[in-house]
C-alpha atoms as a PDB file:
ATOM      1  CA  MET A   1       0.000   0.000   0.000  1.00  0.00           C
ATOM      2  CA  ARG A   2       2.880   2.353   0.818  1.00  0.00           C
ATOM      3  CA  ARG A   3       4.187   2.047  -2.742  1.00  0.00           C
ATOM      4  CA  PHE A   4       0.852   2.963  -4.299  1.00  0.00           C
ATOM      5  CA  VAL A   5       0.480   6.010  -2.064  1.00  0.00           C
ATOM      6  CA  GLY A   6       4.080   7.033  -2.765  1.00  0.00           C
ATOM      7  CA  LEU A   7       3.664   6.558  -6.496  1.00  0.00           C
ATOM      8  CA  GLY A   8       0.535   8.699  -6.512  1.00  0.00           C
ATOM      9  CA  GLY A   9       2.212  11.366  -4.394  1.00  0.00           C
ATOM     10  CA  LEU A  10       5.310  11.343  -6.564  1.00  0.00           C
ATOM     11  CA  THR A  11       3.243  11.671  -9.725  1.00  0.00           C
ATOM     12  CA  VAL A  12       1.242  14.600  -8.347  1.00  0.00           C
ATOM     13  CA  PHE A  13       4.399  16.279  -7.015  1.00  0.00           C
ATOM     14  CA  VAL A  14       6.231  16.012 -10.353  1.00  0.00           C
ATOM     15  CA  LEU A  15       3.261  17.317 -12.330  1.00  0.00           C
ATOM     16  CA  ILE A  16       2.849  20.329 -10.031  1.00  0.00           C
ATOM     17  CA  TYR A  17       6.609  20.959  -9.942  1.00  0.00           C
ATOM     18  CA  VAL A  18       6.883  20.878 -13.739  1.00  0.00           C
ATOM     19  CA  ALA A  19       3.929  23.227 -14.145  1.00  0.00           C
ATOM     20  CA  ILE A  20       5.397  25.747 -11.692  1.00  0.00           C
ATOM     21  CA  ALA A  21       8.880  25.518 -13.223  1.00  0.00           C
ATOM     22  CA  MET A  22       7.432  26.099 -16.718  1.00  0.00           C
ATOM     23  CA  VAL A  23       5.375  29.104 -15.649  1.00  0.00           C
ATOM     24  CA  VAL A  24       8.309  30.695 -13.817  1.00  0.00           C
ATOM     25  CA  GLY A  25      10.613  29.975 -16.751  1.00  0.00           C
ATOM     26  CA  ALA A  26       8.243  31.314 -19.367  1.00  0.00           C
ATOM     27  CA  ASN A  27       7.147  34.418 -17.456  1.00  0.00           C
ATOM     28  CA  HIS A  28      10.315  35.492 -15.689  1.00  0.00           C
ATOM     29  CA  ILE A  29      13.424  33.735 -16.974  1.00  0.00           C
ATOM     30  CA  LEU A  30      13.125  33.999 -20.766  1.00  0.00           C
ATOM     31  CA  GLN A  31      13.800  37.736 -20.819  1.00  0.00           C
ATOM     32  CA  LEU A  32      17.028  37.331 -18.801  1.00  0.00           C
ATOM     33  CA  PRO A  33      20.478  36.702 -20.334  1.00  0.00           C
ATOM     34  CA  GLY A  34      21.248  33.265 -21.756  1.00  0.00           C
ATOM     35  CA  ILE A  35      23.593  32.180 -18.952  1.00  0.00           C
ATOM     36  CA  VAL A  36      20.879  32.893 -16.353  1.00  0.00           C
ATOM     37  CA  GLN A  37      18.423  30.838 -18.395  1.00  0.00           C
ATOM     38  CA  LEU A  38      20.919  27.991 -18.619  1.00  0.00           C
ATOM     39  CA  VAL A  39      21.493  27.978 -14.868  1.00  0.00           C
ATOM     40  CA  TYR A  40      17.772  28.212 -14.072  1.00  0.00           C
ATOM     41  CA  PHE A  41      16.751  25.379 -16.360  1.00  0.00           C
ATOM     42  CA  ALA A  42      19.672  23.189 -15.236  1.00  0.00           C
ATOM     43  CA  VAL A  43      18.808  23.695 -11.564  1.00  0.00           C
ATOM     44  CA  ALA A  44      15.065  23.368 -12.151  1.00  0.00           C
ATOM     45  CA  GLY A  45      15.664  20.227 -14.196  1.00  0.00           C
ATOM     46  CA  PHE A  46      17.485  18.470 -11.362  1.00  0.00           C
ATOM     47  CA  ALA A  47      15.924  20.026  -8.237  1.00  0.00           C
ATOM     48  CA  TRP A  48      12.895  17.735  -8.271  1.00  0.00           C
ATOM     49  CA  THR A  49      15.096  14.702  -7.674  1.00  0.00           C
ATOM     50  CA  ILE A  50      15.798  15.597  -4.013  1.00  0.00           C
ATOM     51  CA  PRO A  51      12.141  15.429  -2.855  1.00  0.00           C
ATOM     52  CA  ALA A  52      11.605  12.452  -5.168  1.00  0.00           C
ATOM     53  CA  MET A  53      14.428  10.585  -3.411  1.00  0.00           C
ATOM     54  CA  TRP A  54      12.771  11.245  -0.041  1.00  0.00           C
ATOM     55  CA  ILE A  55       9.460   9.897  -1.311  1.00  0.00           C
ATOM     56  CA  ILE A  56      11.119   6.815  -2.814  1.00  0.00           C
ATOM     57  CA  LYS A  57      13.032   6.124   0.424  1.00  0.00           C
ATOM     58  CA  TRP A  58       9.769   6.391   2.329  1.00  0.00           C
ATOM     59  CA  MET A  59       8.116   3.987  -0.137  1.00  0.00           C
ATOM     60  CA  ARG A  60      10.886   1.397   0.255  1.00  0.00           C
ATOM     61  CA  ARG A  61      10.880   1.496   4.059  1.00  0.00           C
ATOM     62  CA  GLY A  62       9.132  -1.365   5.753  1.00  0.00           C
ATOM     63  CA  PRO A  63       6.341  -1.028   8.263  1.00  0.00           C
ATOM     64  CA  GLN A  64       7.436   0.579  11.539  1.00  0.00           C
ATOM     65  CA  SER A  65       7.222  -1.572  14.656  1.00  0.00           C
ATOM     66  CA  ASP A  66       5.873   0.039  17.815  1.00  0.00           C
ATOM     67  CA  THR A  67       7.932  -2.097  20.202  1.00  0.00           C
ATOM     68  CA  ALA A  68      11.168  -0.744  21.614  1.00  0.00           C
ATOM     69  CA  ALA A  69      14.233  -2.982  21.375  1.00  0.00           C
END
C-alpha cells in the first residue's frame, strides 16, 4: 500500500513541480540573459530529484514496529 500512495504522491508532485517551473521559466526567466536561463533550467531540471528521493526512500521502508528494542 505504501508504494501505491508514494507513487501517486510522486506523480502529483512532479506534475505540479513541472507546471510551476514552466510558468516561472516562461514568465520570468526567458527575458534574462542566456547564462541565467541555462542555470535556471539546469537547476530546475534536477531540483525535483531531491524530494523524489525522499518519497522513494519512504516507499521502500518497511512497516514501523511500535515495540522498543
